[in-house]
C-alpha atoms as a PDB file:
ATOM      1  CA  UNK A   1       0.000   0.000   0.000  1.00  0.00           C
ATOM      2  CA  UNK A   2       2.877   2.350   0.847  1.00  0.00           C
ATOM      3  CA  UNK A   3       4.431   1.699  -2.587  1.00  0.00           C
ATOM      4  CA  UNK A   4       1.157   2.562  -4.348  1.00  0.00           C
ATOM      5  CA  UNK A   5       0.881   5.781  -2.349  1.00  0.00           C
ATOM      6  CA  UNK A   6       4.437   6.802  -3.230  1.00  0.00           C
ATOM      7  CA  UNK A   7       3.839   6.133  -6.928  1.00  0.00           C
ATOM      8  CA  UNK A   8       0.628   8.178  -6.851  1.00  0.00           C
ATOM      9  CA  UNK A   9       2.448  11.044  -5.143  1.00  0.00           C
ATOM     10  CA  UNK A  10       5.245  10.997  -7.735  1.00  0.00           C
ATOM     11  CA  UNK A  11       2.789  11.008 -10.634  1.00  0.00           C
ATOM     12  CA  UNK A  12       0.860  13.924  -9.148  1.00  0.00           C
ATOM     13  CA  UNK A  13       4.096  15.886  -8.764  1.00  0.00           C
ATOM     14  CA  UNK A  14       5.038  15.282 -12.392  1.00  0.00           C
ATOM     15  CA  UNK A  15       1.599  16.454 -13.480  1.00  0.00           C
ATOM     16  CA  UNK A  16       1.948  19.777 -11.635  1.00  0.00           C
ATOM     17  CA  UNK A  17       2.408  22.924 -13.737  1.00  0.00           C
ATOM     18  CA  UNK A  18       5.815  24.558 -13.994  1.00  0.00           C
ATOM     19  CA  UNK A  19       4.679  27.541 -11.946  1.00  0.00           C
ATOM     20  CA  UNK A  20       2.285  26.719  -9.139  1.00  0.00           C
ATOM     21  CA  UNK A  21       1.117  29.568  -6.907  1.00  0.00           C
ATOM     22  CA  UNK A  22       1.982  28.774  -3.303  1.00  0.00           C
ATOM     23  CA  UNK A  23       0.452  30.008  -0.090  1.00  0.00           C
ATOM     24  CA  UNK A  24       2.545  32.401   1.969  1.00  0.00           C
ATOM     25  CA  UNK A  25       2.091  34.567   5.019  1.00  0.00           C
ATOM     26  CA  UNK A  26      -0.143  37.424   3.981  1.00  0.00           C
ATOM     27  CA  UNK A  27       1.198  40.959   4.140  1.00  0.00           C
ATOM     28  CA  UNK A  28      -2.102  42.298   5.432  1.00  0.00           C
ATOM     29  CA  UNK A  29      -3.089  41.606   9.025  1.00  0.00           C
ATOM     30  CA  UNK A  30      -6.558  42.578  10.277  1.00  0.00           C
ATOM     31  CA  UNK A  31      -6.918  45.078   7.460  1.00  0.00           C
ATOM     32  CA  UNK A  32      -3.671  46.863   8.321  1.00  0.00           C
ATOM     33  CA  UNK A  33      -0.479  46.985   6.305  1.00  0.00           C
ATOM     34  CA  UNK A  34       2.135  44.900   8.073  1.00  0.00           C
ATOM     35  CA  UNK A  35       5.382  46.922   8.119  1.00  0.00           C
ATOM     36  CA  UNK A  36       8.309  44.707   7.244  1.00  0.00           C
ATOM     37  CA  UNK A  37      11.572  46.038   8.733  1.00  0.00           C
ATOM     38  CA  UNK A  38      13.985  47.853   6.514  1.00  0.00           C
ATOM     39  CA  UNK A  39      14.098  45.591   3.425  1.00  0.00           C
ATOM     40  CA  UNK A  40      13.942  41.954   4.548  1.00  0.00           C
ATOM     41  CA  UNK A  41      13.158  40.667   1.051  1.00  0.00           C
ATOM     42  CA  UNK A  42      15.003  43.236  -1.038  1.00  0.00           C
ATOM     43  CA  UNK A  43      11.858  45.356  -1.509  1.00  0.00           C
ATOM     44  CA  UNK A  44       9.280  47.167   0.595  1.00  0.00           C
ATOM     45  CA  UNK A  45       5.501  47.095   0.417  1.00  0.00           C
ATOM     46  CA  UNK A  46       4.619  50.427  -1.264  1.00  0.00           C
ATOM     47  CA  UNK A  47       1.609  50.873   1.022  1.00  0.00           C
ATOM     48  CA  UNK A  48       3.908  51.316   4.026  1.00  0.00           C
ATOM     49  CA  UNK A  49       4.997  54.606   2.457  1.00  0.00           C
ATOM     50  CA  UNK A  50       1.557  55.592   1.188  1.00  0.00           C
ATOM     51  CA  UNK A  51       1.945  54.008  -2.251  1.00  0.00           C
ATOM     52  CA  UNK A  52      -0.048  51.353  -4.066  1.00  0.00           C
ATOM     53  CA  UNK A  53       0.346  48.080  -5.937  1.00  0.00           C
ATOM     54  CA  UNK A  54      -2.065  49.374  -8.583  1.00  0.00           C
ATOM     55  CA  UNK A  55      -0.618  51.966 -10.920  1.00  0.00           C
ATOM     56  CA  UNK A  56      -2.443  54.905 -12.498  1.00  0.00           C
ATOM     57  CA  UNK A  57      -3.419  54.371 -16.108  1.00  0.00           C
ATOM     58  CA  UNK A  58      -6.705  56.179 -16.755  1.00  0.00           C
ATOM     59  CA  UNK A  59      -8.222  58.998 -14.727  1.00  0.00           C
ATOM     60  CA  UNK A  60     -11.918  58.610 -14.065  1.00  0.00           C
ATOM     61  CA  UNK A  61     -14.426  60.680 -12.154  1.00  0.00           C
ATOM     62  CA  UNK A  62     -13.565  60.146  -8.521  1.00  0.00           C
ATOM     63  CA  UNK A  63     -10.197  58.500  -9.001  1.00  0.00           C
ATOM     64  CA  UNK A  64      -7.950  56.374 -11.164  1.00  0.00           C
ATOM     65  CA  UNK A  65      -8.071  52.993 -12.849  1.00  0.00           C
ATOM     66  CA  UNK A  66      -4.789  51.167 -13.213  1.00  0.00           C
ATOM     67  CA  UNK A  67      -2.939  47.957 -13.861  1.00  0.00           C
ATOM     68  CA  UNK A  68      -1.851  45.614 -11.083  1.00  0.00           C
ATOM     69  CA  UNK A  69       1.836  45.604 -10.245  1.00  0.00           C
ATOM     70  CA  UNK A  70       2.042  41.831 -10.263  1.00  0.00           C
ATOM     71  CA  UNK A  71       5.784  41.072 -10.388  1.00  0.00           C
ATOM     72  CA  UNK A  72       8.635  42.361  -8.221  1.00  0.00           C
ATOM     73  CA  UNK A  73      12.295  41.733  -9.034  1.00  0.00           C
ATOM     74  CA  UNK A  74      13.902  41.799  -5.604  1.00  0.00           C
ATOM     75  CA  UNK A  75      16.817  44.072  -4.775  1.00  0.00           C
ATOM     76  CA  UNK A  76      18.564  40.910  -3.570  1.00  0.00           C
ATOM     77  CA  UNK A  77      18.946  39.893  -7.232  1.00  0.00           C
ATOM     78  CA  UNK A  78      22.127  39.988  -9.325  1.00  0.00           C
ATOM     79  CA  UNK A  79      23.354  43.570  -8.985  1.00  0.00           C
ATOM     80  CA  UNK A  80      23.935  43.883 -12.730  1.00  0.00           C
ATOM     81  CA  UNK A  81      20.235  43.689 -13.508  1.00  0.00           C
ATOM     82  CA  UNK A  82      19.373  46.290 -10.886  1.00  0.00           C
ATOM     83  CA  UNK A  83      20.855  48.935 -13.185  1.00  0.00           C
ATOM     84  CA  UNK A  84      18.791  50.297 -16.071  1.00  0.00           C
ATOM     85  CA  UNK A  85      21.139  48.949 -18.730  1.00  0.00           C
ATOM     86  CA  UNK A  86      21.516  45.600 -17.003  1.00  0.00           C
ATOM     87  CA  UNK A  87      17.782  45.178 -16.605  1.00  0.00           C
ATOM     88  CA  UNK A  88      17.324  45.828 -20.318  1.00  0.00           C
ATOM     89  CA  UNK A  89      19.779  43.020 -21.035  1.00  0.00           C
ATOM     90  CA  UNK A  90      17.938  40.769 -18.617  1.00  0.00           C
ATOM     91  CA  UNK A  91      14.632  41.541 -20.339  1.00  0.00           C
ATOM     92  CA  UNK A  92      16.168  40.526 -23.664  1.00  0.00           C
ATOM     93  CA  UNK A  93      17.278  37.220 -22.141  1.00  0.00           C
ATOM     94  CA  UNK A  94      13.579  36.557 -21.453  1.00  0.00           C
ATOM     95  CA  UNK A  95      12.478  37.285 -25.011  1.00  0.00           C
ATOM     96  CA  UNK A  96      11.514  40.946 -24.590  1.00  0.00           C
ATOM     97  CA  UNK A  97      12.994  44.141 -26.006  1.00  0.00           C
ATOM     98  CA  UNK A  98      12.463  47.896 -26.225  1.00  0.00           C
ATOM     99  CA  UNK A  99       9.492  49.200 -28.127  1.00  0.00           C
ATOM    100  CA  UNK A 100       9.398  49.198 -31.917  1.00  0.00           C
ATOM    101  CA  UNK A 101      12.213  51.459 -33.138  1.00  0.00           C
ATOM    102  CA  UNK A 102      12.330  52.807 -29.553  1.00  0.00           C
ATOM    103  CA  UNK A 103       9.171  54.828 -30.202  1.00  0.00           C
ATOM    104  CA  UNK A 104       6.456  54.991 -27.546  1.00  0.00           C
ATOM    105  CA  UNK A 105       3.106  56.210 -28.837  1.00  0.00           C
ATOM    106  CA  UNK A 106       0.816  55.294 -25.956  1.00  0.00           C
ATOM    107  CA  UNK A 107       0.338  57.006 -22.631  1.00  0.00           C
ATOM    108  CA  UNK A 108       2.868  56.544 -19.853  1.00  0.00           C
ATOM    109  CA  UNK A 109       1.472  55.039 -16.697  1.00  0.00           C
ATOM    110  CA  UNK A 110       2.302  56.274 -13.203  1.00  0.00           C
ATOM    111  CA  UNK A 111       3.044  54.391  -9.988  1.00  0.00           C
ATOM    112  CA  UNK A 112       3.732  55.390  -6.395  1.00  0.00           C
ATOM    113  CA  UNK A 113       6.069  52.842  -4.830  1.00  0.00           C
ATOM    114  CA  UNK A 114       6.001  54.468  -1.392  1.00  0.00           C
ATOM    115  CA  UNK A 115       9.708  55.250  -1.574  1.00  0.00           C
ATOM    116  CA  UNK A 116       9.456  58.985  -0.956  1.00  0.00           C
ATOM    117  CA  UNK A 117       9.471  60.034  -4.605  1.00  0.00           C
ATOM    118  CA  UNK A 118       5.691  60.081  -4.951  1.00  0.00           C
ATOM    119  CA  UNK A 119       3.937  59.157  -8.208  1.00  0.00           C
ATOM    120  CA  UNK A 120       6.410  58.672 -11.062  1.00  0.00           C
ATOM    121  CA  UNK A 121       6.128  57.714 -14.710  1.00  0.00           C
ATOM    122  CA  UNK A 122       7.049  54.236 -15.862  1.00  0.00           C
ATOM    123  CA  UNK A 123      10.758  53.876 -16.403  1.00  0.00           C
ATOM    124  CA  UNK A 124      10.468  51.584 -19.391  1.00  0.00           C
ATOM    125  CA  UNK A 125       8.189  49.274 -21.307  1.00  0.00           C
ATOM    126  CA  UNK A 126       9.308  45.984 -22.866  1.00  0.00           C
ATOM    127  CA  UNK A 127       7.420  44.081 -25.529  1.00  0.00           C
ATOM    128  CA  UNK A 128       7.542  40.481 -26.660  1.00  0.00           C
ATOM    129  CA  UNK A 129      10.362  40.126 -29.183  1.00  0.00           C
ATOM    130  CA  UNK A 130       8.865  37.682 -31.681  1.00  0.00           C
ATOM    131  CA  UNK A 131      11.906  37.518 -33.982  1.00  0.00           C
ATOM    132  CA  UNK A 132      15.383  39.119 -34.140  1.00  0.00           C
ATOM    133  CA  UNK A 133      14.654  42.110 -36.395  1.00  0.00           C
ATOM    134  CA  UNK A 134      11.636  44.328 -35.703  1.00  0.00           C
ATOM    135  CA  UNK A 135      10.234  41.644 -33.389  1.00  0.00           C
ATOM    136  CA  UNK A 136       8.656  44.180 -31.046  1.00  0.00           C
ATOM    137  CA  UNK A 137       7.144  45.992 -34.035  1.00  0.00           C
ATOM    138  CA  UNK A 138       5.145  42.842 -34.694  1.00  0.00           C
ATOM    139  CA  UNK A 139       3.981  42.813 -31.080  1.00  0.00           C
ATOM    140  CA  UNK A 140       2.815  46.408 -31.498  1.00  0.00           C
ATOM    141  CA  UNK A 141       0.719  45.289 -34.468  1.00  0.00           C
ATOM    142  CA  UNK A 142      -0.412  41.797 -33.495  1.00  0.00           C
ATOM    143  CA  UNK A 143      -0.488  42.121 -29.716  1.00  0.00           C
ATOM    144  CA  UNK A 144       1.129  39.827 -27.182  1.00  0.00           C
ATOM    145  CA  UNK A 145       3.093  40.091 -23.961  1.00  0.00           C
ATOM    146  CA  UNK A 146       4.474  43.302 -22.523  1.00  0.00           C
ATOM    147  CA  UNK A 147       5.401  44.818 -19.187  1.00  0.00           C
ATOM    148  CA  UNK A 148       6.076  48.219 -17.652  1.00  0.00           C
ATOM    149  CA  UNK A 149       8.716  48.914 -15.008  1.00  0.00           C
ATOM    150  CA  UNK A 150       9.334  51.240 -12.082  1.00  0.00           C
ATOM    151  CA  UNK A 151      12.277  51.213  -9.702  1.00  0.00           C
ATOM    152  CA  UNK A 152      11.945  51.557  -5.937  1.00  0.00           C
ATOM    153  CA  UNK A 153      14.885  53.856  -5.281  1.00  0.00           C
ATOM    154  CA  UNK A 154      13.620  56.845  -3.316  1.00  0.00           C
ATOM    155  CA  UNK A 155      15.009  58.183  -0.036  1.00  0.00           C
ATOM    156  CA  UNK A 156      12.431  56.341   2.080  1.00  0.00           C
ATOM    157  CA  UNK A 157      12.904  52.891   0.508  1.00  0.00           C
ATOM    158  CA  UNK A 158      16.008  52.669  -1.641  1.00  0.00           C
ATOM    159  CA  UNK A 159      15.726  48.931  -2.261  1.00  0.00           C
ATOM    160  CA  UNK A 160      16.692  48.973  -5.942  1.00  0.00           C
ATOM    161  CA  UNK A 161      13.862  46.543  -6.684  1.00  0.00           C
ATOM    162  CA  UNK A 162      12.025  46.626 -10.007  1.00  0.00           C
ATOM    163  CA  UNK A 163       8.227  46.730  -9.792  1.00  0.00           C
ATOM    164  CA  UNK A 164       6.505  45.377 -12.892  1.00  0.00           C
ATOM    165  CA  UNK A 165       3.005  45.530 -14.337  1.00  0.00           C
ATOM    166  CA  UNK A 166       2.824  42.633 -16.800  1.00  0.00           C
ATOM    167  CA  UNK A 167      -0.071  41.846 -19.109  1.00  0.00           C
ATOM    168  CA  UNK A 168      -1.106  40.354 -22.437  1.00  0.00           C
ATOM    169  CA  UNK A 169      -2.671  42.801 -24.867  1.00  0.00           C
ATOM    170  CA  UNK A 170      -4.802  42.644 -27.992  1.00  0.00           C
ATOM    171  CA  UNK A 171      -3.718  43.713 -31.457  1.00  0.00           C
ATOM    172  CA  UNK A 172      -3.507  47.307 -32.663  1.00  0.00           C
ATOM    173  CA  UNK A 173      -6.972  47.219 -34.251  1.00  0.00           C
ATOM    174  CA  UNK A 174      -8.450  46.746 -30.767  1.00  0.00           C
ATOM    175  CA  UNK A 175      -6.338  49.573 -29.368  1.00  0.00           C
ATOM    176  CA  UNK A 176      -4.049  47.328 -27.335  1.00  0.00           C
ATOM    177  CA  UNK A 177      -6.710  46.656 -24.728  1.00  0.00           C
ATOM    178  CA  UNK A 178      -5.998  43.760 -22.392  1.00  0.00           C
ATOM    179  CA  UNK A 179      -7.199  40.259 -23.273  1.00  0.00           C
ATOM    180  CA  UNK A 180      -9.521  38.362 -20.927  1.00  0.00           C
ATOM    181  CA  UNK A 181      -7.491  37.274 -17.868  1.00  0.00           C
ATOM    182  CA  UNK A 182      -4.635  39.255 -19.423  1.00  0.00           C
ATOM    183  CA  UNK A 183      -3.045  40.436 -16.182  1.00  0.00           C
ATOM    184  CA  UNK A 184      -2.670  36.919 -14.811  1.00  0.00           C
ATOM    185  CA  UNK A 185      -1.557  35.610 -18.214  1.00  0.00           C
ATOM    186  CA  UNK A 186       1.061  38.321 -18.680  1.00  0.00           C
ATOM    187  CA  UNK A 187       2.482  37.770 -15.209  1.00  0.00           C
ATOM    188  CA  UNK A 188       2.640  34.004 -15.595  1.00  0.00           C
ATOM    189  CA  UNK A 189       4.307  34.252 -19.013  1.00  0.00           C
ATOM    190  CA  UNK A 190       7.050  36.473 -17.613  1.00  0.00           C
ATOM    191  CA  UNK A 191       7.541  34.365 -14.486  1.00  0.00           C
ATOM    192  CA  UNK A 192       7.760  31.085 -16.395  1.00  0.00           C
ATOM    193  CA  UNK A 193      10.557  32.455 -18.557  1.00  0.00           C
ATOM    194  CA  UNK A 194      12.393  33.910 -15.590  1.00  0.00           C
ATOM    195  CA  UNK A 195      12.280  30.603 -13.709  1.00  0.00           C
ATOM    196  CA  UNK A 196      13.312  28.676 -16.816  1.00  0.00           C
ATOM    197  CA  UNK A 197      16.246  31.048 -17.269  1.00  0.00           C
ATOM    198  CA  UNK A 198      17.817  32.642 -20.299  1.00  0.00           C
ATOM    199  CA  UNK A 199      20.907  34.377 -21.630  1.00  0.00           C
ATOM    200  CA  UNK A 200      22.037  37.504 -23.432  1.00  0.00           C
ATOM    201  CA  UNK A 201      25.515  37.946 -24.922  1.00  0.00           C
ATOM    202  CA  UNK A 202      27.106  35.321 -22.716  1.00  0.00           C
ATOM    203  CA  UNK A 203      25.336  36.293 -19.491  1.00  0.00           C
ATOM    204  CA  UNK A 204      22.954  33.704 -18.050  1.00  0.00           C
ATOM    205  CA  UNK A 205      20.281  34.245 -15.421  1.00  0.00           C
ATOM    206  CA  UNK A 206      17.773  32.093 -13.587  1.00  0.00           C
ATOM    207  CA  UNK A 207      15.149  33.202 -11.063  1.00  0.00           C
ATOM    208  CA  UNK A 208      13.574  31.792  -7.940  1.00  0.00           C
ATOM    209  CA  UNK A 209       9.944  32.752  -7.418  1.00  0.00           C
ATOM    210  CA  UNK A 210       7.897  33.302  -4.290  1.00  0.00           C
ATOM    211  CA  UNK A 211       4.176  33.995  -4.548  1.00  0.00           C
ATOM    212  CA  UNK A 212       2.708  36.592  -2.194  1.00  0.00           C
ATOM    213  CA  UNK A 213      -0.893  37.153  -1.220  1.00  0.00           C
ATOM    214  CA  UNK A 214      -2.227  40.319   0.356  1.00  0.00           C
ATOM    215  CA  UNK A 215      -0.340  42.888  -1.692  1.00  0.00           C
ATOM    216  CA  UNK A 216      -3.228  43.075  -4.177  1.00  0.00           C
ATOM    217  CA  UNK A 217      -6.911  42.492  -3.563  1.00  0.00           C
ATOM    218  CA  UNK A 218      -8.269  39.801  -5.911  1.00  0.00           C
ATOM    219  CA  UNK A 219     -10.919  41.041  -8.305  1.00  0.00           C
ATOM    220  CA  UNK A 220     -11.396  43.965 -10.655  1.00  0.00           C
ATOM    221  CA  UNK A 221     -11.943  46.908  -8.307  1.00  0.00           C
ATOM    222  CA  UNK A 222      -9.775  49.802  -9.460  1.00  0.00           C
ATOM    223  CA  UNK A 223      -8.395  47.726 -12.341  1.00  0.00           C
ATOM    224  CA  UNK A 224      -8.349  49.160 -15.853  1.00  0.00           C
ATOM    225  CA  UNK A 225     -10.611  47.447 -18.423  1.00  0.00           C
ATOM    226  CA  UNK A 226     -12.542  45.853 -15.503  1.00  0.00           C
ATOM    227  CA  UNK A 227     -10.514  42.640 -15.839  1.00  0.00           C
ATOM    228  CA  UNK A 228     -10.363  40.369 -12.816  1.00  0.00           C
ATOM    229  CA  UNK A 229      -6.958  39.364 -11.464  1.00  0.00           C
ATOM    230  CA  UNK A 230      -6.190  36.786  -8.803  1.00  0.00           C
ATOM    231  CA  UNK A 231      -4.312  39.039  -6.371  1.00  0.00           C
ATOM    232  CA  UNK A 232      -1.055  37.062  -6.478  1.00  0.00           C
ATOM    233  CA  UNK A 233       2.267  38.872  -6.845  1.00  0.00           C
ATOM    234  CA  UNK A 234       5.369  37.000  -8.003  1.00  0.00           C
ATOM    235  CA  UNK A 235       8.575  37.947  -6.188  1.00  0.00           C
ATOM    236  CA  UNK A 236      11.576  37.078  -8.345  1.00  0.00           C
ATOM    237  CA  UNK A 237      15.120  36.795  -7.055  1.00  0.00           C
ATOM    238  CA  UNK A 238      17.335  36.605 -10.124  1.00  0.00           C
ATOM    239  CA  UNK A 239      20.734  34.900  -9.935  1.00  0.00           C
ATOM    240  CA  UNK A 240      23.606  34.901 -12.407  1.00  0.00           C
ATOM    241  CA  UNK A 241      24.414  31.318 -13.435  1.00  0.00           C
END
């Protein structure tokens, strides 16, 4: 009987998806933000400093709608990728690149990471690089994966962590709106590639992932396009290999 149980356990493990959200201690206790210490995980919850894990994309009567910040690259990661140039190289190792011909024609989104710098525009946006030449131009036309970045580097929380809003968008003819379940899909696509690992010009990286609850409320409240998201945030710690 023990042998049968062990075989069943092994088969169930093999059948598990590559990225399986795991339960962790929530960062919200009794409705209050739980202050971490300085930077125990290489990042700080933006809400501790009055920020938010939902950015500002579209202003509506009475407030803003935004995209969930659903991935954090910890400041405990390889120091090379914590620089702007290094992070761009890391993004390319995951199959992303700068916008088509480095031209941005959409609006820039804003995020407050609670680091003392207040609301700030996205630092960069990376699009799925379908093929070596003009690959992101195709993404701009056909749609696909993309993500926006902000860096937590203000005087109140200089962690160096990258905060990312990842999503999957529709093609140009539908004005790059987000596909159904697009926030979860965009996050999972990015995380799967980070965990799998990749390289750029001889530099190789691989990430460990931790899934956090409590940083985002599940659902669609305050979310642009009224698209539900599951509330999970992936914390990536990226290592050079």
